[in-house]
């Protein structure tokens, strides 16, 4: 490549000078101008494809064409022409048969004046498709964008040729131009040197005309840098290796006598492969039918359809998509990775499924252990609560027992009920309504009747009242069991009230925290919107400034064109 670049300055200078036509007011269309026009189109602006990326797509296509020609394959450029390589007839040297590259324009350009070609193919050539995916990886944008950009290049070049507008296209190894009135396509001499062909502009070889040349002899060996001494040493080493092989051959045959036959000599279905799962067996059966020649590989797209089918979907149900794509890439075969070795892929998929199943089992076991731990903690807490309740009940029973014993141990006083009424409600009726007074009178009449019945003899109302007043002044009438039960109920109500107040406080705090977070989020959104608006405004101002600079530069260059030939005038849009 370095030698070719060193031999091409003359052609580069000629190509640069040829971009200026006799009419200085009409610019020549070049790859640079086409790239600028294509990048300024609606599609490239929408897809954010710049002129640098357009030129990269064109240069990538030229490298692809060059490699295809060197691999004896042709490339077709839709709507423009096609490159090919093969055995050709050389019209410049009397129809001699040589191997040379050719370029044929599309038949629609037959009406245009063209320079007569030098080489013509003797038989149809083999063509290869343009690798859009490889070009997209090189250029850094999607292959659909690469296809669109290249199509734009071909269409604009074809339009210029059809309209006879001046065009000069550099293919990096050849050149297409019509600036001299007719369409000419010329391969650079640095490229023709690979085929031992001299260009038309080179002087004719006169060595055979004036010098006597002996009869041609066939080349028996490839021309290399091997010396006779090296050949003798290589022959000696080969003889030594042959002697060693003859000496150990019987031993090798004896040691390998009991080994099974090689795989290539066995029947195709001697030991058919098996899988560890039913989907794997179905996968092997389907792939075996598709693999008709028994190579162990099938097309990747066919394999993906097999894996996505109902029969084999169990193999990839739990497998991540990224892992599956990595497996397909790892087991790819063929020069372009189009085929996949399905048996190693099946083994890896089954191993991954086993690992996923084991991970699920471990996760289930861990979940069961966690549930068991939680149940154990809940059981211990329940036992503690039950023990506390039992202790509280035992304490309550003890207090009740003491209260009952205290009540039972004292002698029964017939005036106790009257004393309780006086102690709880008082002796006056001030401030009480009629219902309470009627209830007091009924209870008092019953208490007096009980007192009279339990007294030793008849008593007067005054004695009864005095005795009841004395009983009311002491605490002997208080029912300790009832007081204890009432205290328990009061304590329970107090705890419930405190719990309700606590939950209400927690709920209020949660509401306040939510409102505060919502306000902060709203402030952040407003700040983000303000910042985005500022950035958009700054970007718009920068675009306006850049646009003004570009317009100013274009105006200056347009005004200086007639007086400064070293500058190129910006190209105008092509007529479609």
Protein backbone atom coordinates (compact mmCIF):
# COMPACT_ATOMS: atom_id res chain seq x y z
CA UNK A 1 0.00 0.00 0.00
CA UNK A 2 2.90 2.36 0.80
CA UNK A 3 4.54 1.73 -2.57
CA UNK A 4 1.25 2.31 -4.35
CA UNK A 5 0.78 5.62 -2.54
CA UNK A 6 4.33 6.60 -3.48
CA UNK A 7 3.68 5.83 -7.16
CA UNK A 8 0.41 7.75 -7.35
CA UNK A 9 1.33 11.48 -6.89
CA UNK A 10 1.29 12.06 -10.65
CA UNK A 11 -2.23 10.63 -10.98
CA UNK A 12 -3.42 12.64 -7.96
CA UNK A 13 -2.10 15.87 -9.50
CA UNK A 14 -3.71 15.03 -12.83
CA UNK A 15 -7.03 14.26 -11.06
CA UNK A 16 -6.84 17.56 -9.15
CA UNK A 17 -6.15 19.61 -12.27
CA UNK A 18 -8.89 17.79 -14.17
CA UNK A 19 -11.54 18.95 -11.72
CA UNK A 20 -11.49 22.36 -13.41
CA UNK A 21 -13.29 22.50 -16.75
CA UNK A 22 -12.85 24.91 -19.59
CA UNK A 23 -15.88 26.80 -18.32
CA UNK A 24 -14.50 28.19 -15.06
CA UNK A 25 -17.97 29.23 -13.92
CA UNK A 26 -19.17 25.61 -13.76
CA UNK A 27 -17.78 23.49 -10.88
CA UNK A 28 -16.81 19.86 -11.26
CA UNK A 29 -18.73 17.38 -9.11
CA UNK A 30 -16.36 15.37 -6.90
CA UNK A 31 -16.76 12.95 -4.03
CA UNK A 32 -16.25 15.79 -1.54
CA UNK A 33 -19.03 17.89 -3.08
CA UNK A 34 -21.37 14.89 -3.30
CA UNK A 35 -20.69 14.07 0.37
CA UNK A 36 -21.52 17.66 1.33
CA UNK A 37 -24.78 17.57 -0.65
CA UNK A 38 -25.81 14.17 0.70
CA UNK A 39 -25.05 15.15 4.32
CA UNK A 40 -27.18 18.26 3.87
CA UNK A 41 -30.22 16.25 2.78
CA UNK A 42 -33.31 15.64 4.89
CA UNK A 43 -32.48 12.00 5.60
CA UNK A 44 -28.93 12.65 6.82
CA UNK A 45 -30.05 15.61 8.92
CA UNK A 46 -32.77 13.52 10.51
CA UNK A 47 -30.37 10.60 11.14
CA UNK A 48 -27.52 12.97 12.17
CA UNK A 49 -25.10 11.71 9.51
CA UNK A 50 -22.35 14.20 8.70
CA UNK A 51 -20.17 14.68 5.64
CA UNK A 52 -17.24 12.93 7.37
CA UNK A 53 -19.36 9.81 7.87
CA UNK A 54 -20.55 9.96 4.23
CA UNK A 55 -16.93 10.06 3.02
CA UNK A 56 -16.10 7.19 5.40
CA UNK A 57 -18.91 5.14 3.83
CA UNK A 58 -17.54 5.82 0.33
CA UNK A 59 -13.94 4.96 1.34
CA UNK A 60 -15.15 1.79 3.07
CA UNK A 61 -16.96 0.76 -0.12
CA UNK A 62 -13.79 1.37 -2.15
CA UNK A 63 -11.75 -0.83 0.22
CA UNK A 64 -14.43 -3.52 -0.04
CA UNK A 65 -14.34 -3.39 -3.87
CA UNK A 66 -10.52 -3.52 -3.87
CA UNK A 67 -10.47 -6.60 -1.61
CA UNK A 68 -13.20 -8.27 -3.70
CA UNK A 69 -11.22 -7.73 -6.92
CA UNK A 70 -8.10 -9.14 -5.29
CA UNK A 71 -10.18 -12.18 -4.29
CA UNK A 72 -11.28 -12.63 -7.94
CA UNK A 73 -14.83 -11.43 -7.28
CA UNK A 74 -16.80 -8.68 -8.95
CA UNK A 75 -18.98 -6.00 -7.35
CA UNK A 76 -22.08 -4.38 -8.84
CA UNK A 77 -22.91 -0.71 -8.17
CA UNK A 78 -26.69 -0.31 -8.70
CA UNK A 79 -27.54 2.17 -11.42
CA UNK A 80 -23.88 3.01 -12.16
CA UNK A 81 -21.91 -0.02 -13.33
CA UNK A 82 -19.99 -3.05 -12.13
CA UNK A 83 -16.41 -4.13 -11.42
CA UNK A 84 -15.18 -7.54 -12.48
CA UNK A 85 -11.92 -9.47 -12.86
CA UNK A 86 -11.05 -12.44 -15.07
CA UNK A 87 -9.50 -13.61 -18.32
CA UNK A 88 -9.88 -10.76 -20.83
CA UNK A 89 -9.03 -9.88 -24.42
CA UNK A 90 -6.46 -7.05 -24.65
CA UNK A 91 -7.36 -4.97 -27.74
CA UNK A 92 -4.28 -2.80 -27.33
CA UNK A 93 -1.97 -5.77 -27.94
CA UNK A 94 -3.74 -7.57 -30.72
CA UNK A 95 -6.35 -9.49 -28.72
CA UNK A 96 -3.91 -11.14 -26.31
CA UNK A 97 -5.46 -13.08 -23.47
CA UNK A 98 -4.56 -11.57 -20.10
CA UNK A 99 -6.04 -11.50 -16.62
CA UNK A 100 -7.17 -7.97 -15.85
CA UNK A 101 -9.78 -5.95 -13.94
CA UNK A 102 -12.56 -4.22 -15.88
CA UNK A 103 -15.32 -1.71 -15.20
CA UNK A 104 -18.51 -1.75 -17.27
CA UNK A 105 -20.97 1.16 -17.17
CA UNK A 106 -24.70 0.54 -16.88
CA UNK A 107 -26.45 -0.02 -20.25
CA UNK A 108 -28.43 3.19 -19.82
CA UNK A 109 -25.20 5.14 -20.47
CA UNK A 110 -24.67 3.57 -23.93
CA UNK A 111 -26.07 6.69 -25.59
CA UNK A 112 -23.26 8.82 -24.11
CA UNK A 113 -19.88 9.25 -25.84
CA UNK A 114 -17.43 6.91 -24.12
CA UNK A 115 -13.79 6.09 -24.44
CA UNK A 116 -13.36 2.65 -25.99
CA UNK A 117 -12.46 0.06 -23.41
CA UNK A 118 -9.20 -1.87 -23.64
CA UNK A 119 -10.17 -5.14 -21.92
CA UNK A 120 -13.26 -7.31 -22.52
CA UNK A 121 -14.17 -10.36 -20.43
CA UNK A 122 -14.20 -13.67 -22.25
CA UNK A 123 -16.83 -15.23 -19.96
CA UNK A 124 -19.18 -14.01 -17.20
CA UNK A 125 -17.51 -13.17 -13.89
CA UNK A 126 -18.50 -14.03 -10.33
CA UNK A 127 -19.98 -11.22 -8.25
CA UNK A 128 -20.34 -10.69 -4.51
CA UNK A 129 -22.83 -8.62 -2.55
CA UNK A 130 -21.85 -5.41 -0.79
CA UNK A 131 -21.44 -6.06 2.95
CA UNK A 132 -23.54 -3.23 4.42
CA UNK A 133 -23.12 -4.55 7.97
CA UNK A 134 -19.33 -4.46 7.76
CA UNK A 135 -19.42 -0.95 6.30
CA UNK A 136 -21.78 0.21 9.06
CA UNK A 137 -19.41 -1.08 11.76
CA UNK A 138 -16.58 0.82 10.12
CA UNK A 139 -18.54 4.07 9.65
CA UNK A 140 -20.28 4.06 13.02
CA UNK A 141 -23.94 4.25 11.98
CA UNK A 142 -26.72 1.87 10.99
CA UNK A 143 -26.44 -0.27 7.86
CA UNK A 144 -29.72 1.21 6.53
CA UNK A 145 -28.07 4.63 6.67
CA UNK A 146 -24.99 3.28 4.86
CA UNK A 147 -27.18 1.79 2.11
CA UNK A 148 -29.09 5.08 1.73
CA UNK A 149 -25.90 7.18 1.58
CA UNK A 150 -24.26 4.93 -1.03
CA UNK A 151 -27.44 4.94 -3.12
CA UNK A 152 -27.40 8.74 -2.99
CA UNK A 153 -23.77 8.69 -4.21
CA UNK A 154 -24.62 6.36 -7.12
CA UNK A 155 -27.72 8.36 -8.10
CA UNK A 156 -25.88 11.70 -8.11
CA UNK A 157 -22.98 10.34 -10.17
CA UNK A 158 -25.41 8.75 -12.63
CA UNK A 159 -27.43 11.98 -12.86
CA UNK A 160 -24.28 13.99 -13.64
CA UNK A 161 -23.27 11.50 -16.34
CA UNK A 162 -26.73 11.51 -17.94
CA UNK A 163 -26.95 15.31 -17.91
CA UNK A 164 -23.33 15.56 -19.17
CA UNK A 165 -22.42 17.71 -16.18
CA UNK A 166 -18.68 17.69 -15.37
CA UNK A 167 -17.90 14.97 -12.82
CA UNK A 168 -14.62 13.57 -11.52
CA UNK A 169 -14.97 10.55 -9.19
CA UNK A 170 -11.98 9.08 -7.36
CA UNK A 171 -12.29 5.37 -6.56
CA UNK A 172 -8.90 5.39 -4.70
CA UNK A 173 -7.59 2.84 -7.25
CA UNK A 174 -9.30 4.19 -10.38
CA UNK A 175 -10.94 7.33 -11.74
CA UNK A 176 -14.20 8.09 -13.57
CA UNK A 177 -14.51 11.45 -15.36
CA UNK A 178 -16.21 13.19 -18.28
CA UNK A 179 -14.55 16.60 -18.09
CA UNK A 180 -13.01 16.13 -21.58
CA UNK A 181 -16.33 15.55 -23.32
CA UNK A 182 -16.57 11.77 -23.09
CA UNK A 183 -16.89 9.30 -20.25
CA UNK A 184 -13.53 7.79 -19.33
CA UNK A 185 -12.69 5.20 -16.67
CA UNK A 186 -9.01 4.57 -15.92
CA UNK A 187 -7.32 2.28 -13.41
CA UNK A 188 -4.27 3.75 -11.68
CA UNK A 189 -0.95 2.25 -12.72
CA UNK A 190 -0.14 1.35 -9.10
CA UNK A 191 -3.19 -0.94 -9.16
CA UNK A 192 -2.44 -2.39 -12.61
CA UNK A 193 1.08 -3.30 -11.48
CA UNK A 194 -0.46 -6.12 -9.42
CA UNK A 195 -1.56 -7.71 -12.73
CA UNK A 196 1.69 -6.89 -14.64
CA UNK A 197 -0.23 -4.54 -16.98
CA UNK A 198 1.09 -1.28 -18.33
CA UNK A 199 -1.36 1.55 -18.77
CA UNK A 200 -2.17 3.08 -22.14
CA UNK A 201 -0.23 6.23 -21.37
CA UNK A 202 2.98 4.22 -20.74
CA UNK A 203 5.43 3.61 -23.63
CA UNK A 204 5.27 0.22 -25.30
CA UNK A 205 7.72 -2.41 -24.13
CA UNK A 206 10.37 -2.83 -26.88
CA UNK A 207 12.57 -5.38 -25.15
CA UNK A 208 11.27 -8.28 -27.24
CA UNK A 209 11.71 -6.26 -30.44
CA UNK A 210 15.47 -5.63 -30.15
CA UNK A 211 16.71 -8.38 -27.80
CA UNK A 212 16.78 -12.09 -28.57
CA UNK A 213 14.76 -14.00 -26.05
CA UNK A 214 15.14 -17.76 -25.57
CA UNK A 215 12.32 -20.20 -25.59
CA UNK A 216 9.95 -19.94 -22.64
CA UNK A 217 10.34 -22.66 -20.01
CA UNK A 218 7.75 -23.79 -17.54
CA UNK A 219 8.33 -22.79 -13.94
CA UNK A 220 8.65 -25.95 -11.87
CA UNK A 221 9.04 -24.27 -8.48
CA UNK A 222 7.69 -21.13 -6.96
CA UNK A 223 10.13 -18.25 -7.02
CA UNK A 224 11.28 -17.77 -3.41
CA UNK A 225 14.35 -16.79 -1.43
CA UNK A 226 15.35 -20.42 -0.81
CA UNK A 227 19.05 -21.16 -1.45
CA UNK A 228 20.51 -24.52 -2.60
CA UNK A 229 22.14 -25.00 0.82
CA UNK A 230 18.76 -24.55 2.54
CA UNK A 231 17.21 -27.03 0.12
CA UNK A 232 19.88 -29.63 0.95
CA UNK A 233 19.32 -29.17 4.70
CA UNK A 234 15.56 -29.48 4.24
CA UNK A 235 16.04 -32.69 2.22
CA UNK A 236 18.26 -34.16 4.98
CA UNK A 237 15.67 -33.35 7.66
CA UNK A 238 12.91 -34.90 5.56
CA UNK A 239 14.96 -38.09 5.12
CA UNK A 240 15.60 -38.30 8.88
CA UNK A 241 11.92 -37.83 9.68
CA UNK A 242 10.97 -40.50 7.12
CA UNK A 243 13.42 -42.96 8.70
CA UNK A 244 12.02 -42.28 12.18
CA UNK A 245 8.45 -42.76 10.89
CA UNK A 246 9.36 -46.10 9.28
CA UNK A 247 11.04 -47.26 12.50
CA UNK A 248 8.09 -46.47 14.83
CA UNK A 249 5.30 -47.39 12.38
CA UNK A 250 4.97 -51.05 13.64
CA UNK A 251 4.79 -49.85 17.24
CA UNK A 252 2.07 -47.33 16.42
CA UNK A 253 0.03 -49.97 14.56
CA UNK A 254 0.34 -52.40 17.49
CA UNK A 255 -0.66 -49.75 20.09
CA UNK A 256 -3.63 -48.52 18.06
CA UNK A 257 -4.95 -51.93 17.00
CA UNK A 258 -7.64 -51.98 19.71
CA UNK A 259 -8.82 -48.39 19.15
CA UNK A 260 -12.21 -47.79 17.48
CA UNK A 261 -12.40 -46.75 13.87
CA UNK A 262 -12.06 -43.04 13.03
CA UNK A 263 -15.20 -40.97 13.10
CA UNK A 264 -15.09 -40.28 9.37
CA UNK A 265 -15.14 -44.02 8.61
CA UNK A 266 -18.04 -44.82 10.92
CA UNK A 267 -21.64 -44.93 9.75
CA UNK A 268 -23.45 -41.64 10.09
CA UNK A 269 -26.00 -42.98 12.61
CA UNK A 270 -23.73 -45.48 14.42
CA UNK A 271 -24.04 -43.73 17.77
CA UNK A 272 -26.61 -40.96 17.43
CA UNK A 273 -26.19 -38.10 19.91
CA UNK A 274 -28.59 -37.89 22.82
CA UNK A 275 -29.74 -35.06 25.03
CA UNK A 276 -30.48 -34.83 28.74
CA UNK A 277 -33.99 -33.45 28.26
CA UNK A 278 -36.97 -34.07 26.01
CA UNK A 279 -36.71 -30.65 24.29
CA UNK A 280 -33.04 -31.45 23.65
CA UNK A 281 -33.96 -34.76 21.96
CA UNK A 282 -36.51 -32.98 19.79
CA UNK A 283 -33.92 -30.30 18.98
CA UNK A 284 -31.41 -32.97 17.86
CA UNK A 285 -34.05 -34.72 15.76
CA UNK A 286 -35.10 -31.49 14.00
CA UNK A 287 -31.52 -30.32 13.41
CA UNK A 288 -30.57 -33.78 12.15
CA UNK A 289 -33.28 -33.57 9.50
CA UNK A 290 -32.14 -30.08 8.49
CA UNK A 291 -28.46 -31.13 8.44
CA UNK A 292 -28.73 -33.29 5.32
CA UNK A 293 -24.99 -33.71 4.74
CA UNK A 294 -24.15 -34.48 8.37
CA UNK A 295 -21.76 -31.52 8.79
CA UNK A 296 -22.99 -30.67 12.30
CA UNK A 297 -23.92 -27.11 11.24
CA UNK A 298 -27.12 -25.45 10.10
CA UNK A 299 -27.99 -21.91 9.11
CA UNK A 300 -28.27 -19.50 12.03
CA UNK A 301 -31.65 -18.10 11.00
CA UNK A 302 -33.04 -21.65 10.65
CA UNK A 303 -31.61 -22.52 14.07
CA UNK A 304 -33.26 -19.48 15.66
CA UNK A 305 -36.62 -20.53 14.21
CA UNK A 306 -36.10 -24.04 15.61
CA UNK A 307 -35.30 -22.70 19.08
CA UNK A 308 -38.35 -20.41 19.03
CA UNK A 309 -40.67 -23.26 18.00
CA UNK A 310 -43.06 -25.01 20.34
CA UNK A 311 -41.00 -28.24 20.37
CA UNK A 312 -37.71 -26.69 21.55
CA UNK A 313 -38.83 -23.57 23.40
CA UNK A 314 -38.10 -25.26 26.72
CA UNK A 315 -34.36 -24.99 25.99
CA UNK A 316 -34.38 -21.17 25.98
CA UNK A 317 -37.36 -20.40 28.25
CA UNK A 318 -35.17 -19.50 31.24
CA UNK A 319 -32.00 -18.44 29.36
CA UNK A 320 -31.13 -14.77 29.06
CA UNK A 321 -31.17 -13.32 25.54
CA UNK A 322 -27.66 -11.90 25.88
CA UNK A 323 -26.26 -15.28 26.94
CA UNK A 324 -28.01 -16.99 24.00
CA UNK A 325 -26.56 -14.48 21.51
CA UNK A 326 -23.09 -15.04 22.99
CA UNK A 327 -23.52 -18.81 22.55
CA UNK A 328 -24.62 -18.38 18.92
CA UNK A 329 -21.57 -16.21 18.28
CA UNK A 330 -19.20 -18.60 20.06
CA UNK A 331 -20.42 -21.65 18.10
CA UNK A 332 -20.62 -19.87 14.74
CA UNK A 333 -18.97 -21.53 11.75
CA UNK A 334 -18.13 -20.67 8.19
CA UNK A 335 -16.13 -17.78 6.81
CA UNK A 336 -18.87 -15.26 7.53
CA UNK A 337 -20.23 -16.91 10.70
CA UNK A 338 -23.49 -17.76 8.96
CA UNK A 339 -23.74 -21.34 10.27
CA UNK A 340 -23.88 -22.65 13.86
CA UNK A 341 -22.62 -25.93 15.36
CA UNK A 342 -25.83 -27.13 16.96
CA UNK A 343 -24.54 -30.03 19.14
CA UNK A 344 -22.06 -27.90 21.20
CA UNK A 345 -24.74 -25.24 21.40
CA UNK A 346 -27.19 -27.82 22.80
CA UNK A 347 -24.66 -28.96 25.41
CA UNK A 348 -24.08 -25.39 26.60
CA UNK A 349 -27.82 -24.68 26.70
CA UNK A 350 -28.48 -27.81 28.76
CA UNK A 351 -25.62 -26.91 31.12
CA UNK A 352 -27.05 -23.40 31.52
CA UNK A 353 -30.53 -24.81 32.18
CA UNK A 354 -29.06 -27.13 34.83
CA UNK A 355 -27.27 -24.17 36.43
CA UNK A 356 -30.48 -22.10 36.34
CA UNK A 357 -32.47 -24.99 37.88
CA UNK A 358 -29.84 -25.40 40.60
CA UNK A 359 -29.92 -21.67 41.29
CA UNK A 360 -33.72 -21.80 41.52
CA UNK A 361 -33.52 -24.73 43.95
CA UNK A 362 -30.99 -22.88 46.08
CA UNK A 363 -33.16 -19.77 46.03
CA UNK A 364 -36.22 -21.86 47.00
CA UNK A 365 -34.24 -23.50 49.81
CA UNK A 366 -33.04 -20.11 51.02
CA UNK A 367 -36.61 -18.81 50.88
CA UNK A 368 -37.83 -21.82 52.87
CA UNK A 369 -35.10 -21.25 55.45
CA UNK A 370 -36.08 -17.60 55.69
CA UNK A 371 -39.75 -18.52 56.12
CA UNK A 372 -38.82 -21.10 58.78
CA UNK A 373 -36.75 -18.47 60.60
CA UNK A 374 -39.63 -15.99 60.46
CA UNK A 375 -42.06 -18.66 61.71
CA UNK A 376 -39.68 -19.55 64.54
CA UNK A 377 -39.39 -15.89 65.54
CA UNK A 378 -43.17 -15.53 65.45
CA UNK A 379 -43.56 -18.71 67.51
CA UNK A 380 -41.08 -17.46 70.14
CA UNK A 381 -42.84 -14.09 70.26
CA UNK A 382 -46.23 -15.83 70.59
CA UNK A 383 -44.88 -17.97 73.42
CA UNK A 384 -43.58 -14.88 75.16
CA UNK A 385 -46.96 -13.15 74.78
CA UNK A 386 -48.78 -16.26 76.03
CA UNK A 387 -46.41 -16.50 78.99
CA UNK A 388 -46.96 -12.82 79.79
CA UNK A 389 -50.73 -13.26 79.51
CA UNK A 390 -50.58 -16.32 81.77
CA UNK A 391 -48.53 -14.40 84.31
CA UNK A 392 -50.98 -11.48 84.14
CA UNK A 393 -53.94 -13.86 84.49
CA UNK A 394 -52.21 -15.59 87.44
CA UNK A 395 -51.60 -12.20 89.06
CA UNK A 396 -55.24 -11.23 88.46
CA UNK A 397 -56.41 -14.53 89.92
CA UNK A 398 -54.20 -13.98 92.95
CA UNK A 399 -55.59 -10.49 93.48
CA UNK A 400 -59.12 -11.79 92.98
CA UNK A 401 -58.45 -14.59 95.43
CA UNK A 402 -57.15 -12.13 98.00
CA UNK A 403 -60.13 -9.80 97.42
CA UNK A 404 -62.60 -12.68 97.73
CA UNK A 405 -60.83 -13.95 100.82
CA UNK A 406 -60.92 -10.45 102.29
CA UNK A 407 -64.63 -10.20 101.55
CA UNK A 408 -65.38 -13.66 102.84
CA UNK A 409 -63.23 -13.45 105.96
CA UNK A 410 -65.11 -10.43 107.32
CA UNK A 411 -68.55 -10.90 109.00
CA UNK A 412 -71.54 -9.99 106.89
CA UNK A 413 -72.93 -6.64 107.86
CA UNK A 414 -76.63 -6.19 106.95
CA UNK A 415 -76.11 -2.44 106.68
CA UNK A 416 -73.29 -2.72 104.12
CA UNK A 417 -75.59 -2.33 101.10
CA UNK A 418 -77.14 0.80 102.60
CA UNK A 419 -73.67 2.16 103.38
CA UNK A 420 -72.53 1.52 99.76
CA UNK A 421 -75.53 3.52 98.47
CA UNK A 422 -74.74 6.44 100.76
CA UNK A 423 -71.01 6.25 99.93
CA UNK A 424 -71.49 6.19 96.12
CA UNK A 425 -74.40 8.63 95.69
CA UNK A 426 -74.44 10.68 98.87
CA UNK A 427 -77.27 11.49 101.19
CA UNK A 428 -78.68 14.48 99.30
CA UNK A 429 -80.83 14.66 96.19
CA UNK A 430 -79.48 17.99 94.93
CA UNK A 431 -78.45 17.94 91.29
CA UNK A 432 -80.03 14.58 90.43
CA UNK A 433 -82.87 14.05 88.02
CA UNK A 434 -86.07 12.16 88.63
CA UNK A 435 -84.84 8.91 87.06
CA UNK A 436 -81.78 8.73 89.32
CA UNK A 437 -83.91 9.53 92.36
CA UNK A 438 -86.39 6.77 91.48
CA UNK A 439 -83.50 4.28 91.02
CA UNK A 440 -81.99 5.30 94.36
CA UNK A 441 -85.30 4.91 96.15
CA UNK A 442 -85.79 1.41 94.74
CA UNK A 443 -82.28 0.31 95.72
CA UNK A 444 -82.58 1.95 99.10
CA UNK A 445 -85.91 0.23 99.85
CA UNK A 446 -84.38 -3.15 98.93
CA UNK A 447 -81.30 -2.45 101.09
CA UNK A 448 -83.44 -1.43 104.05
CA UNK A 449 -85.55 -4.56 103.70
CA UNK A 450 -82.40 -6.69 103.62
CA UNK A 451 -81.03 -4.87 106.62
CA UNK A 452 -84.19 -5.41 108.61
CA UNK A 453 -84.27 -9.05 107.66
CA UNK A 454 -80.69 -9.61 108.73
CA UNK A 455 -80.89 -7.65 111.97
CA UNK A 456 -81.31 -9.48 115.28
CA UNK A 457 -84.45 -7.58 116.17
CA UNK A 458 -86.59 -4.78 114.93
CA UNK A 459 -84.92 -1.45 114.51
CA UNK A 460 -86.23 2.02 113.99
CA UNK A 461 -85.50 4.08 110.85
CA UNK A 462 -83.20 6.34 112.84
CA UNK A 463 -81.07 3.46 114.03
CA UNK A 464 -80.96 2.10 110.52
CA UNK A 465 -79.85 5.41 109.08
CA UNK A 466 -77.21 5.94 111.72
CA UNK A 467 -75.78 2.47 111.22
CA UNK A 468 -75.76 2.91 107.46
CA UNK A 469 -73.94 6.24 107.85
CA UNK A 470 -71.28 4.56 110.00
CA UNK A 471 -70.86 1.80 107.41
CA UNK A 472 -70.57 4.39 104.63
CA UNK A 473 -67.78 6.25 106.49
CA UNK A 474 -65.48 3.16 106.29
CA UNK A 475 -64.14 1.32 103.26
CA UNK A 476 -65.32 -2.10 104.30
CA UNK A 477 -68.24 -1.89 101.86
CA UNK A 478 -65.95 -1.51 98.81
CA UNK A 479 -65.93 -4.63 96.56
CA UNK A 480 -62.23 -5.25 95.95
CA UNK A 481 -62.81 -7.78 93.13
CA UNK A 482 -64.97 -5.30 91.21
CA UNK A 483 -62.42 -2.53 91.80
CA UNK A 484 -59.64 -4.78 90.44
CA UNK A 485 -61.63 -5.73 87.34
CA UNK A 486 -62.48 -2.09 86.73
CA UNK A 487 -58.80 -1.16 86.99
CA UNK A 488 -57.98 -3.85 84.38
CA UNK A 489 -60.59 -2.46 82.02
CA UNK A 490 -59.31 1.08 82.57
CA UNK A 491 -55.75 -0.06 81.82
CA UNK A 492 -56.83 -1.80 78.58
CA UNK A 493 -58.74 1.27 77.42
CA UNK A 494 -55.72 3.46 78.23
CA UNK A 495 -53.42 1.23 76.12
CA UNK A 496 -55.86 1.22 73.20
CA UNK A 497 -56.15 4.99 73.39
CA UNK A 498 -52.37 5.41 73.43
CA UNK A 499 -52.03 3.02 70.46
CA UNK A 500 -54.61 4.96 68.44
CA UNK A 501 -52.85 8.20 69.21
CA UNK A 502 -49.49 6.66 68.19
CA UNK A 503 -50.87 5.39 64.85
CA UNK A 504 -52.48 8.76 64.18
CA UNK A 505 -49.17 10.49 64.83
CA UNK A 506 -47.33 8.07 62.48
CA UNK A 507 -49.92 8.63 59.74
CA UNK A 508 -49.65 12.42 60.12
CA UNK A 509 -45.86 12.21 59.89
CA UNK A 510 -46.11 10.02 56.74
CA UNK A 511 -48.52 12.48 55.11
CA UNK A 512 -46.26 15.40 55.96
CA UNK A 513 -43.19 13.54 54.59
CA UNK A 514 -45.07 12.68 51.36
CA UNK A 515 -46.17 16.28 50.89
CA UNK A 516 -42.62 17.48 51.53
CA UNK A 517 -41.15 14.97 49.01
CA UNK A 518 -43.79 15.90 46.43
CA UNK A 519 -42.90 19.57 46.84
CA UNK A 520 -39.19 18.80 46.46
CA UNK A 521 -39.87 16.70 43.31
CA UNK A 522 -41.94 19.52 41.87
CA UNK A 523 -39.09 21.97 42.56
CA UNK A 524 -36.60 19.60 40.91
CA UNK A 525 -38.81 19.22 37.81
CA UNK A 526 -39.14 22.98 37.51
CA UNK A 527 -35.36 23.38 37.89
CA UNK A 528 -34.75 20.67 35.26
CA UNK A 529 -37.22 22.27 32.85
CA UNK A 530 -35.56 25.65 33.36
CA UNK A 531 -32.09 24.17 32.77
CA UNK A 532 -33.24 22.35 29.61
CA UNK A 533 -34.83 25.53 28.31
CA UNK A 534 -31.58 27.41 28.91
CA UNK A 535 -29.53 24.71 27.15
CA UNK A 536 -31.91 24.64 24.18
CA UNK A 537 -31.79 28.43 23.94
CA UNK A 538 -27.97 28.39 24.12
CA UNK A 539 -27.83 25.64 21.45
CA UNK A 540 -30.20 27.56 19.20
CA UNK A 541 -28.12 30.72 19.57
CA UNK A 542 -24.94 28.74 18.76
CA UNK A 543 -26.61 27.22 15.68
CA UNK A 544 -27.70 30.68 14.54
CA UNK A 545 -24.16 31.96 15.03
CA UNK A 546 -22.65 29.00 13.12
CA UNK A 547 -25.21 29.48 10.36
CA UNK A 548 -24.30 33.14 10.08
CA UNK A 549 -20.60 32.25 9.88
CA UNK A 550 -21.25 29.63 7.18
CA UNK A 551 -23.35 32.09 5.14
CA UNK A 552 -20.66 34.74 5.51
CA UNK A 553 -17.94 32.27 4.45
CA UNK A 554 -20.00 31.09 1.47
CA UNK A 555 -20.68 34.67 0.41
CA UNK A 556 -16.99 35.56 0.66
CA UNK A 557 -15.93 32.51 -1.32
CA UNK A 558 -18.65 33.15 -3.93
CA UNK A 559 -17.53 36.73 -4.36
CA UNK A 560 -13.85 35.81 -4.57
CA UNK A 561 -14.31 32.91 -7.07
CA UNK A 562 -13.62 34.74 -10.36
CA UNK A 563 -10.46 36.30 -8.90
CA UNK A 564 -9.02 33.38 -6.88
CA UNK A 565 -8.95 30.10 -8.89
CA UNK A 566 -7.23 28.21 -6.08
CA UNK A 567 -10.54 28.19 -4.16
CA UNK A 568 -13.45 26.05 -5.26
CA UNK A 569 -16.85 27.64 -5.51
CA UNK A 570 -19.54 25.82 -3.42
CA UNK A 571 -21.51 23.43 -5.57
CA UNK A 572 -25.13 23.98 -6.45
CA UNK A 573 -27.82 21.28 -6.05
CA UNK A 574 -27.89 18.78 -8.89
CA UNK A 575 -30.76 18.61 -11.32
CA UNK A 576 -32.76 15.39 -10.70
